[in-house]
Structure formats: structure tokens, C-alpha cells
N, C-alpha and C. Protein backbone atom coordinates (compact mmCIF):
# COMPACT_ATOMS: atom_id res chain seq x y z
N MET A 1 1.86 -26.96 -7.16
CA MET A 1 2.04 -25.86 -6.25
C MET A 1 1.74 -24.57 -7.02
N PHE A 2 1.10 -23.64 -6.34
CA PHE A 2 0.85 -22.35 -6.97
C PHE A 2 1.19 -21.23 -6.00
N GLU A 3 1.43 -20.06 -6.58
CA GLU A 3 1.80 -18.89 -5.79
C GLU A 3 0.58 -18.04 -5.52
N PHE A 4 0.46 -17.57 -4.29
CA PHE A 4 -0.60 -16.65 -3.92
C PHE A 4 0.01 -15.26 -3.88
N LYS A 5 -0.47 -14.38 -4.77
CA LYS A 5 0.09 -13.03 -4.90
C LYS A 5 -0.88 -12.00 -4.35
N LEU A 6 -0.32 -10.87 -3.91
CA LEU A 6 -1.16 -9.78 -3.42
C LEU A 6 -1.98 -9.24 -4.59
N PRO A 7 -3.32 -9.36 -4.50
CA PRO A 7 -4.14 -8.84 -5.58
C PRO A 7 -4.35 -7.33 -5.43
N SER A 8 -4.77 -6.69 -6.50
CA SER A 8 -5.14 -5.28 -6.44
C SER A 8 -6.52 -5.22 -5.80
N LEU A 9 -6.63 -4.54 -4.68
CA LEU A 9 -7.88 -4.50 -3.92
C LEU A 9 -8.65 -3.21 -4.17
N GLY A 10 -8.23 -2.45 -5.16
CA GLY A 10 -8.90 -1.20 -5.50
C GLY A 10 -8.30 -0.66 -6.79
N ALA A 11 -9.03 0.22 -7.44
CA ALA A 11 -8.60 0.75 -8.73
C ALA A 11 -7.27 1.50 -8.64
N ASP A 12 -7.02 2.17 -7.51
CA ASP A 12 -5.79 2.95 -7.40
C ASP A 12 -4.77 2.33 -6.46
N MET A 13 -4.95 1.06 -6.12
CA MET A 13 -4.02 0.40 -5.20
C MET A 13 -2.77 -0.07 -5.94
N ASP A 14 -1.61 0.30 -5.42
CA ASP A 14 -0.36 -0.18 -6.01
C ASP A 14 0.53 -0.87 -4.98
N GLU A 15 0.17 -0.78 -3.70
CA GLU A 15 0.91 -1.45 -2.65
C GLU A 15 0.02 -1.66 -1.43
N GLY A 16 0.47 -2.50 -0.52
CA GLY A 16 -0.26 -2.76 0.71
C GLY A 16 0.70 -3.24 1.77
N LYS A 17 0.21 -3.23 3.01
CA LYS A 17 1.03 -3.67 4.14
C LYS A 17 0.30 -4.83 4.81
N LEU A 18 0.98 -5.97 4.92
CA LEU A 18 0.38 -7.14 5.54
C LEU A 18 0.24 -6.88 7.04
N LEU A 19 -1.00 -6.91 7.52
CA LEU A 19 -1.24 -6.72 8.94
C LEU A 19 -1.25 -8.04 9.70
N GLU A 20 -1.89 -9.06 9.08
CA GLU A 20 -2.05 -10.32 9.81
C GLU A 20 -2.34 -11.47 8.86
N TRP A 21 -1.74 -12.61 9.14
CA TRP A 21 -2.10 -13.85 8.45
C TRP A 21 -3.20 -14.51 9.26
N LEU A 22 -4.22 -15.05 8.62
CA LEU A 22 -5.30 -15.77 9.29
C LEU A 22 -5.16 -17.27 9.10
N VAL A 23 -4.08 -17.70 8.43
CA VAL A 23 -3.80 -19.12 8.19
C VAL A 23 -2.35 -19.39 8.56
N ARG A 24 -2.03 -20.69 8.67
CA ARG A 24 -0.66 -21.13 8.96
C ARG A 24 -0.28 -22.21 7.98
N PRO A 25 1.01 -22.46 7.81
CA PRO A 25 1.40 -23.57 6.95
C PRO A 25 0.74 -24.87 7.40
N GLY A 26 0.23 -25.60 6.42
CA GLY A 26 -0.47 -26.85 6.70
C GLY A 26 -1.98 -26.70 6.75
N ASP A 27 -2.49 -25.46 6.87
CA ASP A 27 -3.94 -25.24 6.89
C ASP A 27 -4.52 -25.47 5.51
N ARG A 28 -5.70 -26.11 5.47
CA ARG A 28 -6.43 -26.30 4.23
C ARG A 28 -7.29 -25.07 4.01
N VAL A 29 -7.29 -24.54 2.79
CA VAL A 29 -8.08 -23.36 2.47
C VAL A 29 -9.00 -23.65 1.29
N VAL A 30 -10.12 -22.95 1.25
CA VAL A 30 -11.07 -23.12 0.16
C VAL A 30 -11.29 -21.78 -0.53
N LYS A 31 -11.64 -21.84 -1.78
CA LYS A 31 -11.88 -20.63 -2.59
C LYS A 31 -12.85 -19.70 -1.85
N GLY A 32 -12.46 -18.42 -1.74
CA GLY A 32 -13.30 -17.43 -1.08
C GLY A 32 -12.99 -17.23 0.39
N GLN A 33 -12.13 -18.07 0.97
CA GLN A 33 -11.77 -17.95 2.38
C GLN A 33 -10.83 -16.78 2.59
N VAL A 34 -11.05 -16.00 3.65
CA VAL A 34 -10.16 -14.89 3.98
C VAL A 34 -8.90 -15.48 4.62
N VAL A 35 -7.73 -15.15 4.03
CA VAL A 35 -6.48 -15.71 4.52
C VAL A 35 -5.55 -14.67 5.13
N ALA A 36 -5.80 -13.40 4.85
CA ALA A 36 -4.91 -12.35 5.37
C ALA A 36 -5.68 -11.03 5.45
N ILE A 37 -5.11 -10.11 6.23
CA ILE A 37 -5.64 -8.75 6.30
C ILE A 37 -4.51 -7.83 5.85
N VAL A 38 -4.82 -6.99 4.86
CA VAL A 38 -3.84 -6.09 4.27
C VAL A 38 -4.33 -4.65 4.42
N ASP A 39 -3.43 -3.78 4.83
CA ASP A 39 -3.74 -2.36 4.97
C ASP A 39 -3.41 -1.67 3.65
N THR A 40 -4.42 -1.02 3.07
CA THR A 40 -4.20 -0.24 1.85
C THR A 40 -4.13 1.23 2.25
N SER A 41 -4.06 2.11 1.30
CA SER A 41 -4.01 3.54 1.63
C SER A 41 -5.34 4.04 2.19
N LYS A 42 -6.39 3.23 2.04
CA LYS A 42 -7.71 3.68 2.49
C LYS A 42 -8.28 2.90 3.66
N ALA A 43 -7.97 1.60 3.77
CA ALA A 43 -8.57 0.78 4.82
C ALA A 43 -7.85 -0.54 4.97
N ALA A 44 -8.15 -1.24 6.06
CA ALA A 44 -7.68 -2.61 6.23
C ALA A 44 -8.68 -3.51 5.52
N VAL A 45 -8.18 -4.38 4.62
CA VAL A 45 -9.05 -5.17 3.75
C VAL A 45 -8.75 -6.65 3.92
N ASP A 46 -9.82 -7.46 3.95
CA ASP A 46 -9.68 -8.91 3.98
C ASP A 46 -9.26 -9.39 2.60
N VAL A 47 -8.28 -10.29 2.55
CA VAL A 47 -7.80 -10.84 1.28
C VAL A 47 -8.24 -12.30 1.21
N GLU A 48 -8.96 -12.63 0.14
CA GLU A 48 -9.47 -13.99 -0.05
C GLU A 48 -8.57 -14.79 -0.97
N ILE A 49 -8.60 -16.10 -0.76
CA ILE A 49 -7.86 -17.02 -1.63
C ILE A 49 -8.76 -17.34 -2.82
N TRP A 50 -8.17 -17.56 -3.98
CA TRP A 50 -8.96 -17.78 -5.21
C TRP A 50 -8.97 -19.23 -5.65
N GLN A 51 -8.38 -20.12 -4.85
CA GLN A 51 -8.28 -21.52 -5.26
C GLN A 51 -8.20 -22.38 -4.01
N ASP A 52 -8.76 -23.59 -4.08
CA ASP A 52 -8.64 -24.55 -2.99
C ASP A 52 -7.20 -25.04 -2.90
N GLY A 53 -6.76 -25.38 -1.69
CA GLY A 53 -5.43 -25.93 -1.54
C GLY A 53 -5.02 -26.01 -0.08
N THR A 54 -3.74 -26.24 0.13
CA THR A 54 -3.15 -26.31 1.47
C THR A 54 -1.99 -25.33 1.52
N VAL A 55 -1.96 -24.51 2.57
CA VAL A 55 -0.89 -23.53 2.72
C VAL A 55 0.42 -24.27 2.91
N HIS A 56 1.37 -23.99 2.03
CA HIS A 56 2.69 -24.64 2.11
C HIS A 56 3.67 -23.75 2.87
N GLU A 57 3.75 -22.48 2.48
CA GLU A 57 4.72 -21.58 3.11
C GLU A 57 4.22 -20.14 3.02
N LEU A 58 4.38 -19.39 4.12
CA LEU A 58 4.07 -17.96 4.15
C LEU A 58 5.38 -17.22 3.90
N LEU A 59 5.44 -16.43 2.83
CA LEU A 59 6.69 -15.78 2.42
C LEU A 59 6.83 -14.34 2.90
N VAL A 60 5.74 -13.75 3.37
CA VAL A 60 5.77 -12.35 3.79
C VAL A 60 5.42 -12.28 5.27
N GLU A 61 6.22 -11.56 6.01
CA GLU A 61 6.00 -11.38 7.44
C GLU A 61 5.00 -10.24 7.68
N PRO A 62 4.15 -10.34 8.72
CA PRO A 62 3.28 -9.21 9.06
C PRO A 62 4.11 -7.95 9.29
N GLY A 63 3.58 -6.82 8.84
CA GLY A 63 4.28 -5.55 8.96
C GLY A 63 5.06 -5.18 7.71
N THR A 64 5.14 -6.11 6.74
CA THR A 64 5.89 -5.86 5.52
C THR A 64 5.02 -5.13 4.50
N ARG A 65 5.59 -4.07 3.91
CA ARG A 65 4.91 -3.34 2.83
C ARG A 65 5.35 -3.97 1.52
N MET A 66 4.39 -4.24 0.62
CA MET A 66 4.71 -4.91 -0.64
C MET A 66 3.89 -4.35 -1.78
N ALA A 67 4.39 -4.52 -2.98
CA ALA A 67 3.71 -4.07 -4.19
C ALA A 67 2.66 -5.09 -4.60
N VAL A 68 1.64 -4.63 -5.34
CA VAL A 68 0.65 -5.55 -5.89
C VAL A 68 1.38 -6.55 -6.78
N GLY A 69 1.02 -7.83 -6.65
CA GLY A 69 1.66 -8.88 -7.44
C GLY A 69 2.79 -9.59 -6.73
N THR A 70 3.15 -9.13 -5.53
CA THR A 70 4.19 -9.78 -4.75
C THR A 70 3.68 -11.15 -4.28
N VAL A 71 4.51 -12.18 -4.40
CA VAL A 71 4.14 -13.51 -3.93
C VAL A 71 4.13 -13.49 -2.41
N MET A 72 2.95 -13.75 -1.84
CA MET A 72 2.80 -13.73 -0.39
C MET A 72 2.96 -15.11 0.24
N ALA A 73 2.55 -16.15 -0.51
CA ALA A 73 2.59 -17.52 0.03
C ALA A 73 2.60 -18.51 -1.12
N THR A 74 2.99 -19.74 -0.79
CA THR A 74 2.86 -20.82 -1.76
C THR A 74 1.85 -21.80 -1.19
N LEU A 75 1.04 -22.37 -2.09
CA LEU A 75 0.01 -23.33 -1.69
C LEU A 75 0.12 -24.59 -2.53
N LEU A 76 -0.24 -25.69 -1.92
CA LEU A 76 -0.27 -26.97 -2.63
C LEU A 76 -1.68 -27.18 -3.14
N GLU A 77 -1.78 -27.69 -4.34
CA GLU A 77 -3.09 -28.01 -4.89
C GLU A 77 -3.63 -29.23 -4.17
N PRO A 78 -4.96 -29.43 -4.14
CA PRO A 78 -5.53 -30.59 -3.45
C PRO A 78 -4.89 -31.89 -3.96
N GLY A 79 -4.42 -32.72 -3.03
CA GLY A 79 -3.80 -33.99 -3.37
C GLY A 79 -2.32 -33.91 -3.69
N GLU A 80 -1.75 -32.71 -3.79
CA GLU A 80 -0.33 -32.56 -4.11
C GLU A 80 0.52 -32.77 -2.86
N ALA A 81 1.61 -33.50 -3.02
CA ALA A 81 2.53 -33.74 -1.90
C ALA A 81 3.48 -32.55 -1.78
N PRO A 82 3.86 -32.20 -0.56
CA PRO A 82 4.79 -31.07 -0.40
C PRO A 82 6.16 -31.38 -0.98
N ALA A 83 6.70 -30.41 -1.70
CA ALA A 83 8.05 -30.53 -2.26
C ALA A 83 9.03 -29.99 -1.23
N ALA A 84 10.27 -29.97 -1.56
CA ALA A 84 11.27 -29.39 -0.65
C ALA A 84 10.92 -27.93 -0.41
N LYS A 85 11.01 -27.53 0.83
CA LYS A 85 10.64 -26.17 1.20
C LYS A 85 11.61 -25.16 0.58
N ARG A 86 11.04 -24.11 -0.03
CA ARG A 86 11.88 -23.05 -0.57
C ARG A 86 12.58 -22.33 0.56
N THR A 87 13.82 -21.99 0.34
CA THR A 87 14.53 -21.25 1.38
C THR A 87 14.25 -19.77 1.19
N ARG A 88 13.92 -19.16 2.27
CA ARG A 88 13.65 -17.73 2.26
C ARG A 88 14.97 -17.01 2.37
N THR A 89 15.23 -16.10 1.46
CA THR A 89 16.50 -15.38 1.49
C THR A 89 16.25 -13.91 1.72
N LYS A 90 17.30 -13.23 2.06
CA LYS A 90 17.19 -11.79 2.26
C LYS A 90 16.87 -11.10 0.95
N THR A 91 17.22 -11.72 -0.18
CA THR A 91 16.95 -11.08 -1.47
C THR A 91 15.45 -11.00 -1.73
N VAL A 92 14.68 -11.96 -1.21
CA VAL A 92 13.23 -11.90 -1.39
C VAL A 92 12.68 -10.68 -0.66
N LYS A 93 13.13 -10.48 0.59
CA LYS A 93 12.67 -9.31 1.34
C LYS A 93 13.18 -8.03 0.70
N ALA A 94 14.43 -8.04 0.22
CA ALA A 94 14.99 -6.86 -0.42
C ALA A 94 14.24 -6.52 -1.70
N ALA A 95 13.85 -7.55 -2.46
CA ALA A 95 13.10 -7.31 -3.69
C ALA A 95 11.74 -6.72 -3.37
N ALA A 96 11.10 -7.22 -2.32
CA ALA A 96 9.80 -6.67 -1.93
C ALA A 96 9.95 -5.22 -1.47
N ALA A 97 11.00 -4.94 -0.73
CA ALA A 97 11.23 -3.57 -0.27
C ALA A 97 11.57 -2.65 -1.45
N ALA A 98 12.31 -3.17 -2.41
CA ALA A 98 12.69 -2.35 -3.57
C ALA A 98 11.49 -2.06 -4.46
N ALA A 99 10.47 -2.93 -4.41
CA ALA A 99 9.30 -2.73 -5.25
C ALA A 99 8.42 -1.59 -4.75
N VAL A 100 8.58 -1.22 -3.49
CA VAL A 100 7.78 -0.13 -2.92
C VAL A 100 8.47 1.18 -3.22
N PRO A 101 7.79 2.08 -3.93
CA PRO A 101 8.42 3.34 -4.27
C PRO A 101 8.68 4.19 -3.02
N VAL A 102 9.80 4.86 -3.00
CA VAL A 102 10.15 5.73 -1.88
C VAL A 102 9.74 7.14 -2.27
N VAL A 103 8.93 7.74 -1.42
CA VAL A 103 8.46 9.09 -1.68
C VAL A 103 9.32 10.04 -0.87
N GLU A 104 10.01 10.92 -1.57
CA GLU A 104 10.85 11.89 -0.88
C GLU A 104 10.08 13.18 -0.66
N ALA A 105 10.41 13.86 0.41
CA ALA A 105 9.76 15.13 0.70
C ALA A 105 10.15 16.14 -0.38
N PRO A 106 9.19 16.93 -0.83
CA PRO A 106 9.53 17.92 -1.86
C PRO A 106 10.50 18.96 -1.31
N ALA A 107 11.35 19.45 -2.18
CA ALA A 107 12.31 20.47 -1.78
C ALA A 107 11.57 21.73 -1.37
N ALA A 108 12.09 22.40 -0.36
CA ALA A 108 11.46 23.63 0.12
C ALA A 108 11.54 24.69 -0.98
N LYS A 109 10.43 25.35 -1.21
CA LYS A 109 10.40 26.42 -2.21
C LYS A 109 10.88 27.70 -1.56
N PRO A 110 11.66 28.50 -2.28
CA PRO A 110 12.10 29.76 -1.70
C PRO A 110 10.91 30.69 -1.51
N ALA A 111 11.00 31.52 -0.50
CA ALA A 111 9.92 32.47 -0.21
C ALA A 111 9.79 33.43 -1.39
N PRO A 112 8.55 33.76 -1.75
CA PRO A 112 8.38 34.70 -2.86
C PRO A 112 8.97 36.07 -2.50
N ASP A 113 9.47 36.74 -3.52
CA ASP A 113 10.05 38.07 -3.33
C ASP A 113 8.93 39.05 -3.00
N VAL A 114 9.00 39.61 -1.80
CA VAL A 114 7.97 40.56 -1.38
C VAL A 114 8.53 41.96 -1.57
N SER A 115 7.84 42.71 -2.41
CA SER A 115 8.28 44.08 -2.64
C SER A 115 7.18 45.03 -2.16
N PRO A 116 7.54 46.21 -1.74
CA PRO A 116 6.52 47.14 -1.26
C PRO A 116 5.57 47.53 -2.39
N ALA A 117 4.35 47.88 -2.00
CA ALA A 117 3.34 48.27 -2.99
C ALA A 117 3.81 49.53 -3.72
N PRO A 118 3.54 49.60 -5.01
CA PRO A 118 3.97 50.79 -5.75
C PRO A 118 3.19 52.02 -5.27
N ALA A 119 3.84 53.18 -5.40
CA ALA A 119 3.20 54.43 -5.00
C ALA A 119 2.02 54.71 -5.93
N GLY A 120 1.04 55.34 -5.41
CA GLY A 120 -0.13 55.66 -6.22
C GLY A 120 -1.34 54.90 -5.70
N ARG A 121 -2.24 54.64 -6.57
CA ARG A 121 -3.50 54.01 -6.19
C ARG A 121 -3.31 52.51 -5.96
N LEU A 122 -3.86 51.99 -4.85
CA LEU A 122 -3.80 50.57 -4.54
C LEU A 122 -4.99 49.87 -5.18
N ARG A 123 -4.76 48.67 -5.63
CA ARG A 123 -5.85 47.88 -6.21
C ARG A 123 -6.48 47.07 -5.08
N VAL A 124 -7.77 47.30 -4.84
CA VAL A 124 -8.49 46.64 -3.76
C VAL A 124 -9.79 46.09 -4.32
N SER A 125 -10.17 44.90 -3.90
CA SER A 125 -11.42 44.32 -4.38
C SER A 125 -12.60 45.08 -3.79
N PRO A 126 -13.75 45.04 -4.44
CA PRO A 126 -14.92 45.75 -3.93
C PRO A 126 -15.31 45.28 -2.53
N ALA A 127 -15.18 43.99 -2.23
CA ALA A 127 -15.54 43.50 -0.90
C ALA A 127 -14.60 44.07 0.16
N ALA A 128 -13.31 44.14 -0.16
CA ALA A 128 -12.33 44.69 0.79
C ALA A 128 -12.56 46.19 0.98
N ARG A 129 -12.88 46.86 -0.10
CA ARG A 129 -13.15 48.30 -0.02
C ARG A 129 -14.34 48.56 0.88
N LYS A 130 -15.42 47.78 0.73
CA LYS A 130 -16.63 47.93 1.53
C LYS A 130 -16.32 47.65 2.99
N ARG A 131 -15.53 46.63 3.26
CA ARG A 131 -15.17 46.27 4.63
C ARG A 131 -14.33 47.38 5.27
N ALA A 132 -13.41 47.95 4.50
CA ALA A 132 -12.56 49.03 5.01
C ALA A 132 -13.39 50.26 5.34
N GLU A 133 -14.36 50.57 4.50
CA GLU A 133 -15.23 51.72 4.76
C GLU A 133 -16.06 51.49 6.01
N ALA A 134 -16.52 50.26 6.22
CA ALA A 134 -17.33 49.95 7.39
C ALA A 134 -16.50 50.06 8.69
N LEU A 135 -15.25 49.72 8.62
CA LEU A 135 -14.40 49.78 9.81
C LEU A 135 -13.82 51.17 10.04
N GLY A 136 -13.88 51.99 9.03
CA GLY A 136 -13.43 53.38 9.17
C GLY A 136 -12.03 53.53 8.85
């Protein structure tokens, strides 16, 4: 049995969201076959399997956001008999959720202190000066 993990589908990819499984437990898969569709920060991407085998168990539900390297499914190697099915626990989902970094909104910056222009000559760019002269 081997684990099928979410591969990095781009140089800057660190997480993805499973949109759809294209296989079910018991399906036979071959190297290069598209088995899932994952949404990255840039596009929805087809995910291929890298080894022949039979899908044993799908561990990630569609709609789940996961980090690169998260185990998405288990597969049986050709000729391998199925072992006892792994029990899916809430800790697996919690671990996948914990692996996704939470981005907090930046704190609001205070408004800059606006003070009146000093008395005397104002500094104006040549373009602004020309525009002011044209408008009168």
C-alpha cells in the first residue's frame, strides 16, 4: 500500500483545495491518469497519479483546503490484497486544517498627522505650477 500525497503543482504553491475526485475506492489507476482536480491560488489543476494501483481509500473530502504533502488517498499496489481499512478520525481533518496557515487582516494603520502648510513659499512641482497657471 502506498500513500498518494498532494504534490506541489507550481513553484510557489504551498496549499490547494480539493474540488473533485475523478476516481472512487476500488478503481484501478495507471501512471499519468488524472485522479483529482485541485484549486491552487492561480487555477484549477488536474492532479495525476504517479504509480499504477487500485484506489483503496479517499482520505480528503472535496472542498477541503490542504497543505502540499497532505495524504489525499491510499492505494494498493498491483496484486496487493486490501488490508483492514484505516479509520478516518477527526484528528486527520484537524491536522489538515492546522497545516493551512491562517492569514489575519493587517491592523488598521492610524491616519497620518495632517498639519497645515507652513507659512511662506509653497513647494510645488513644475507640472503642477504649469497646470495652475493654465487654469488661472
